[in-house]
């Protein structure tokens, strides 16, 4: 069975929806050069949706999901670098908190064994 292709006019900078008559993006204000191009979006390319990529980064893969961030066209290069730094810091924080939890549990186990 064929999946439908959704045609939409989107801003290359912020991925906002555009009208064919727009000369500037209503969201980020970037000038739209010449005629608008039509981008096709397939339902099977989940990494093209910003919310999907961010959910995978923060809830599932952390630093291992950066591949999908850089594969996605939904982010500008500047945004990709910003999210890369945020994800690395987030992952480091999670690892540090995990280490603290392990140390706390180890001391609790030692205390219970001393009793």
C-alpha atoms as a PDB file:
ATOM      1  CA  UNK A   1       0.000   0.000   0.000  1.00  0.00           C
ATOM      2  CA  UNK A   2       1.319   3.449  -0.877  1.00  0.00           C
ATOM      3  CA  UNK A   3       1.780   6.088   1.794  1.00  0.00           C
ATOM      4  CA  UNK A   4       0.559   9.597   1.007  1.00  0.00           C
ATOM      5  CA  UNK A   5       3.152  12.298   0.405  1.00  0.00           C
ATOM      6  CA  UNK A   6       2.425  15.526   2.228  1.00  0.00           C
ATOM      7  CA  UNK A   7       3.456  18.622   0.287  1.00  0.00           C
ATOM      8  CA  UNK A   8       4.204  21.667   2.348  1.00  0.00           C
ATOM      9  CA  UNK A   9       5.975  24.996   1.991  1.00  0.00           C
ATOM     10  CA  UNK A  10       8.431  25.340   4.850  1.00  0.00           C
ATOM     11  CA  UNK A  11      11.112  27.785   5.933  1.00  0.00           C
ATOM     12  CA  UNK A  12      14.614  26.337   5.512  1.00  0.00           C
ATOM     13  CA  UNK A  13      15.773  28.152   8.665  1.00  0.00           C
ATOM     14  CA  UNK A  14      13.080  27.374  11.266  1.00  0.00           C
ATOM     15  CA  UNK A  15      10.738  24.893   9.497  1.00  0.00           C
ATOM     16  CA  UNK A  16       7.689  27.153   9.892  1.00  0.00           C
ATOM     17  CA  UNK A  17       4.808  26.781   7.436  1.00  0.00           C
ATOM     18  CA  UNK A  18       4.853  29.327   4.610  1.00  0.00           C
ATOM     19  CA  UNK A  19       2.245  30.636   2.209  1.00  0.00           C
ATOM     20  CA  UNK A  20       3.098  30.890  -1.497  1.00  0.00           C
ATOM     21  CA  UNK A  21       2.782  34.693  -1.231  1.00  0.00           C
ATOM     22  CA  UNK A  22       5.165  35.103   1.731  1.00  0.00           C
ATOM     23  CA  UNK A  23       8.294  37.173   1.109  1.00  0.00           C
ATOM     24  CA  UNK A  24       9.588  36.657   4.670  1.00  0.00           C
ATOM     25  CA  UNK A  25       9.109  33.820   7.129  1.00  0.00           C
ATOM     26  CA  UNK A  26       6.355  34.776   9.609  1.00  0.00           C
ATOM     27  CA  UNK A  27       8.223  33.012  12.441  1.00  0.00           C
ATOM     28  CA  UNK A  28      11.932  33.848  12.056  1.00  0.00           C
ATOM     29  CA  UNK A  29      11.731  36.724   9.546  1.00  0.00           C
ATOM     30  CA  UNK A  30      14.290  35.344   7.092  1.00  0.00           C
ATOM     31  CA  UNK A  31      13.848  36.608   3.534  1.00  0.00           C
ATOM     32  CA  UNK A  32      12.550  33.984   1.125  1.00  0.00           C
ATOM     33  CA  UNK A  33      14.607  34.151  -2.077  1.00  0.00           C
ATOM     34  CA  UNK A  34      12.669  33.824  -5.344  1.00  0.00           C
ATOM     35  CA  UNK A  35       9.857  31.368  -5.772  1.00  0.00           C
ATOM     36  CA  UNK A  36       9.186  29.064  -2.863  1.00  0.00           C
ATOM     37  CA  UNK A  37      10.370  25.524  -3.235  1.00  0.00           C
ATOM     38  CA  UNK A  38       8.145  22.634  -2.306  1.00  0.00           C
ATOM     39  CA  UNK A  39       9.586  20.047   0.032  1.00  0.00           C
ATOM     40  CA  UNK A  40       8.100  16.582   0.221  1.00  0.00           C
ATOM     41  CA  UNK A  41       7.791  14.892   3.545  1.00  0.00           C
ATOM     42  CA  UNK A  42       7.263  11.158   3.877  1.00  0.00           C
ATOM     43  CA  UNK A  43       5.678   9.576   6.909  1.00  0.00           C
ATOM     44  CA  UNK A  44       8.562   7.062   7.167  1.00  0.00           C
ATOM     45  CA  UNK A  45      11.226   9.733   7.767  1.00  0.00           C
ATOM     46  CA  UNK A  46      10.570  10.304  11.438  1.00  0.00           C
ATOM     47  CA  UNK A  47      13.920  12.092  11.904  1.00  0.00           C
ATOM     48  CA  UNK A  48      12.682  14.996   9.772  1.00  0.00           C
ATOM     49  CA  UNK A  49      10.369  16.112  12.610  1.00  0.00           C
ATOM     50  CA  UNK A  50      12.127  18.259  15.217  1.00  0.00           C
ATOM     51  CA  UNK A  51      10.023  16.958  18.114  1.00  0.00           C
ATOM     52  CA  UNK A  52      10.757  13.330  17.218  1.00  0.00           C
ATOM     53  CA  UNK A  53      14.509  13.914  17.057  1.00  0.00           C
ATOM     54  CA  UNK A  54      14.555  15.776  20.387  1.00  0.00           C
ATOM     55  CA  UNK A  55      12.437  13.090  22.064  1.00  0.00           C
ATOM     56  CA  UNK A  56      14.853  10.390  20.892  1.00  0.00           C
ATOM     57  CA  UNK A  57      17.846  12.435  22.057  1.00  0.00           C
ATOM     58  CA  UNK A  58      16.568  13.154  25.549  1.00  0.00           C
ATOM     59  CA  UNK A  59      14.378  10.160  26.351  1.00  0.00           C
ATOM     60  CA  UNK A  60      15.961   7.228  24.561  1.00  0.00           C
ATOM     61  CA  UNK A  61      19.493   7.463  23.208  1.00  0.00           C
ATOM     62  CA  UNK A  62      21.094  10.552  24.760  1.00  0.00           C
ATOM     63  CA  UNK A  63      24.522  11.092  23.199  1.00  0.00           C
ATOM     64  CA  UNK A  64      24.129   8.022  20.964  1.00  0.00           C
ATOM     65  CA  UNK A  65      21.209   9.738  19.199  1.00  0.00           C
ATOM     66  CA  UNK A  66      23.333  12.584  17.849  1.00  0.00           C
ATOM     67  CA  UNK A  67      23.579  10.709  14.556  1.00  0.00           C
ATOM     68  CA  UNK A  68      19.848  11.293  14.005  1.00  0.00           C
ATOM     69  CA  UNK A  69      20.175  14.964  14.906  1.00  0.00           C
ATOM     70  CA  UNK A  70      22.862  15.488  12.273  1.00  0.00           C
ATOM     71  CA  UNK A  71      20.975  13.377   9.715  1.00  0.00           C
ATOM     72  CA  UNK A  72      17.829  15.512  10.089  1.00  0.00           C
ATOM     73  CA  UNK A  73      17.201  18.437   7.739  1.00  0.00           C
ATOM     74  CA  UNK A  74      14.766  19.970  10.242  1.00  0.00           C
ATOM     75  CA  UNK A  75      17.609  21.736  12.088  1.00  0.00           C
ATOM     76  CA  UNK A  76      20.016  24.407  10.901  1.00  0.00           C
ATOM     77  CA  UNK A  77      23.751  23.765  11.392  1.00  0.00           C
ATOM     78  CA  UNK A  78      23.793  26.289  14.240  1.00  0.00           C
ATOM     79  CA  UNK A  79      20.875  24.517  15.942  1.00  0.00           C
ATOM     80  CA  UNK A  80      22.577  21.141  15.449  1.00  0.00           C
ATOM     81  CA  UNK A  81      25.711  22.396  17.233  1.00  0.00           C
ATOM     82  CA  UNK A  82      23.633  23.915  20.032  1.00  0.00           C
ATOM     83  CA  UNK A  83      21.644  20.696  20.585  1.00  0.00           C
ATOM     84  CA  UNK A  84      24.846  18.632  20.389  1.00  0.00           C
ATOM     85  CA  UNK A  85      26.360  20.621  23.270  1.00  0.00           C
ATOM     86  CA  UNK A  86      23.098  20.438  25.267  1.00  0.00           C
ATOM     87  CA  UNK A  87      22.849  16.661  24.777  1.00  0.00           C
ATOM     88  CA  UNK A  88      26.484  16.090  25.756  1.00  0.00           C
ATOM     89  CA  UNK A  89      26.044  18.144  28.944  1.00  0.00           C
ATOM     90  CA  UNK A  90      22.723  16.384  29.652  1.00  0.00           C
ATOM     91  CA  UNK A  91      24.329  12.963  29.178  1.00  0.00           C
ATOM     92  CA  UNK A  92      27.287  13.894  31.399  1.00  0.00           C
ATOM     93  CA  UNK A  93      24.866  15.086  34.095  1.00  0.00           C
ATOM     94  CA  UNK A  94      22.909  11.822  33.891  1.00  0.00           C
ATOM     95  CA  UNK A  95      26.120   9.792  34.189  1.00  0.00           C
ATOM     96  CA  UNK A  96      27.276  11.869  37.168  1.00  0.00           C
ATOM     97  CA  UNK A  97      23.905  11.470  38.930  1.00  0.00           C
ATOM     98  CA  UNK A  98      24.002   7.732  38.239  1.00  0.00           C
ATOM     99  CA  UNK A  99      27.482   7.541  39.775  1.00  0.00           C
ATOM    100  CA  UNK A 100      26.286   9.435  42.860  1.00  0.00           C
ATOM    101  CA  UNK A 101      23.348   7.041  43.215  1.00  0.00           C
ATOM    102  CA  UNK A 102      25.701   4.050  42.963  1.00  0.00           C
ATOM    103  CA  UNK A 103      28.003   5.514  45.646  1.00  0.00           C
ATOM    104  CA  UNK A 104      25.024   6.222  47.919  1.00  0.00           C
ATOM    105  CA  UNK A 105      23.667   2.704  47.493  1.00  0.00           C
ATOM    106  CA  UNK A 106      27.120   1.217  48.139  1.00  0.00           C
ATOM    107  CA  UNK A 107      27.394   3.090  51.442  1.00  0.00           C
ATOM    108  CA  UNK A 108      23.882   1.983  52.410  1.00  0.00           C
ATOM    109  CA  UNK A 109      24.775  -1.645  51.670  1.00  0.00           C
ATOM    110  CA  UNK A 110      27.951  -1.349  53.755  1.00  0.00           C
ATOM    111  CA  UNK A 111      25.933   0.126  56.626  1.00  0.00           C
ATOM    112  CA  UNK A 112      23.430  -2.732  56.457  1.00  0.00           C
ATOM    113  CA  UNK A 113      26.226  -5.314  56.382  1.00  0.00           C
ATOM    114  CA  UNK A 114      27.830  -3.740  59.477  1.00  0.00           C
ATOM    115  CA  UNK A 115      24.646  -4.291  61.492  1.00  0.00           C
END
